[in-house]
């Protein structure tokens, strides 16, 4: 069980949008977007390094 309930991907033929329904309350929300190339094989490593621990909020 996490913070994200259901989500809907809206295709507006531009950049697109994602509507997210939250289950609980979040402390702080932001965007993580590293500005450098990352190979697909390293995505899991970067995810573990950049995201907070589970159930933290």
C-alpha atoms as a PDB file:
ATOM      1  CA  UNK A   1       0.000   0.000   0.000  1.00  0.00           C
ATOM      2  CA  UNK A   2       1.445   3.317  -1.022  1.00  0.00           C
ATOM      3  CA  UNK A   3       0.514   6.922  -1.572  1.00  0.00           C
ATOM      4  CA  UNK A   4      -0.621   6.632  -5.198  1.00  0.00           C
ATOM      5  CA  UNK A   5      -4.109   5.242  -5.725  1.00  0.00           C
ATOM      6  CA  UNK A   6      -5.241   5.410  -9.341  1.00  0.00           C
ATOM      7  CA  UNK A   7      -3.756   7.431 -12.170  1.00  0.00           C
ATOM      8  CA  UNK A   8      -4.917   8.409 -15.629  1.00  0.00           C
ATOM      9  CA  UNK A   9      -2.693   9.253 -18.581  1.00  0.00           C
ATOM     10  CA  UNK A  10      -4.211  11.979 -20.769  1.00  0.00           C
ATOM     11  CA  UNK A  11      -2.957  12.156 -24.348  1.00  0.00           C
ATOM     12  CA  UNK A  12      -3.420  15.716 -25.598  1.00  0.00           C
ATOM     13  CA  UNK A  13      -1.111  15.148 -28.621  1.00  0.00           C
ATOM     14  CA  UNK A  14       1.487  17.426 -27.026  1.00  0.00           C
ATOM     15  CA  UNK A  15       3.541  16.533 -23.978  1.00  0.00           C
ATOM     16  CA  UNK A  16       0.651  14.719 -22.264  1.00  0.00           C
ATOM     17  CA  UNK A  17      -0.576  14.851 -18.688  1.00  0.00           C
ATOM     18  CA  UNK A  18      -0.928  12.417 -15.804  1.00  0.00           C
ATOM     19  CA  UNK A  19      -3.714  12.828 -13.231  1.00  0.00           C
ATOM     20  CA  UNK A  20      -2.873  11.081  -9.943  1.00  0.00           C
ATOM     21  CA  UNK A  21      -5.257  10.277  -7.073  1.00  0.00           C
ATOM     22  CA  UNK A  22      -3.446  10.150  -3.739  1.00  0.00           C
ATOM     23  CA  UNK A  23      -4.320   7.799  -0.864  1.00  0.00           C
ATOM     24  CA  UNK A  24      -2.694   9.769   1.921  1.00  0.00           C
ATOM     25  CA  UNK A  25      -1.117  13.069   2.759  1.00  0.00           C
ATOM     26  CA  UNK A  26       2.274  14.051   1.370  1.00  0.00           C
ATOM     27  CA  UNK A  27       4.867  16.079   3.244  1.00  0.00           C
ATOM     28  CA  UNK A  28       6.427  17.637   0.158  1.00  0.00           C
ATOM     29  CA  UNK A  29       6.151  16.942  -3.542  1.00  0.00           C
ATOM     30  CA  UNK A  30       8.543  17.884  -6.292  1.00  0.00           C
ATOM     31  CA  UNK A  31      10.036  16.763  -9.583  1.00  0.00           C
ATOM     32  CA  UNK A  32      13.243  14.811  -9.929  1.00  0.00           C
ATOM     33  CA  UNK A  33      14.751  15.224 -13.370  1.00  0.00           C
ATOM     34  CA  UNK A  34      18.486  14.727 -13.716  1.00  0.00           C
ATOM     35  CA  UNK A  35      19.871  16.823 -16.548  1.00  0.00           C
ATOM     36  CA  UNK A  36      22.294  14.251 -17.895  1.00  0.00           C
ATOM     37  CA  UNK A  37      22.122  11.071 -19.942  1.00  0.00           C
ATOM     38  CA  UNK A  38      21.358   7.900 -18.037  1.00  0.00           C
ATOM     39  CA  UNK A  39      21.530   4.473 -19.686  1.00  0.00           C
ATOM     40  CA  UNK A  40      18.526   2.201 -19.235  1.00  0.00           C
ATOM     41  CA  UNK A  41      20.591  -0.317 -17.268  1.00  0.00           C
ATOM     42  CA  UNK A  42      21.327   2.377 -14.609  1.00  0.00           C
ATOM     43  CA  UNK A  43      17.747   3.623 -14.088  1.00  0.00           C
ATOM     44  CA  UNK A  44      17.098   1.345 -11.101  1.00  0.00           C
ATOM     45  CA  UNK A  45      20.302   2.539  -9.400  1.00  0.00           C
ATOM     46  CA  UNK A  46      19.359   6.210  -9.881  1.00  0.00           C
ATOM     47  CA  UNK A  47      15.823   5.529  -8.653  1.00  0.00           C
ATOM     48  CA  UNK A  48      17.178   4.071  -5.410  1.00  0.00           C
ATOM     49  CA  UNK A  49      19.601   6.979  -4.941  1.00  0.00           C
ATOM     50  CA  UNK A  50      17.218   9.852  -5.726  1.00  0.00           C
ATOM     51  CA  UNK A  51      13.908   8.758  -4.207  1.00  0.00           C
ATOM     52  CA  UNK A  52      13.280   8.729  -0.450  1.00  0.00           C
ATOM     53  CA  UNK A  53      12.641   5.531   1.453  1.00  0.00           C
ATOM     54  CA  UNK A  54       9.319   3.752   1.091  1.00  0.00           C
ATOM     55  CA  UNK A  55       6.341   5.017   3.107  1.00  0.00           C
ATOM     56  CA  UNK A  56       8.216   8.240   3.904  1.00  0.00           C
ATOM     57  CA  UNK A  57       5.876  10.620   2.054  1.00  0.00           C
END
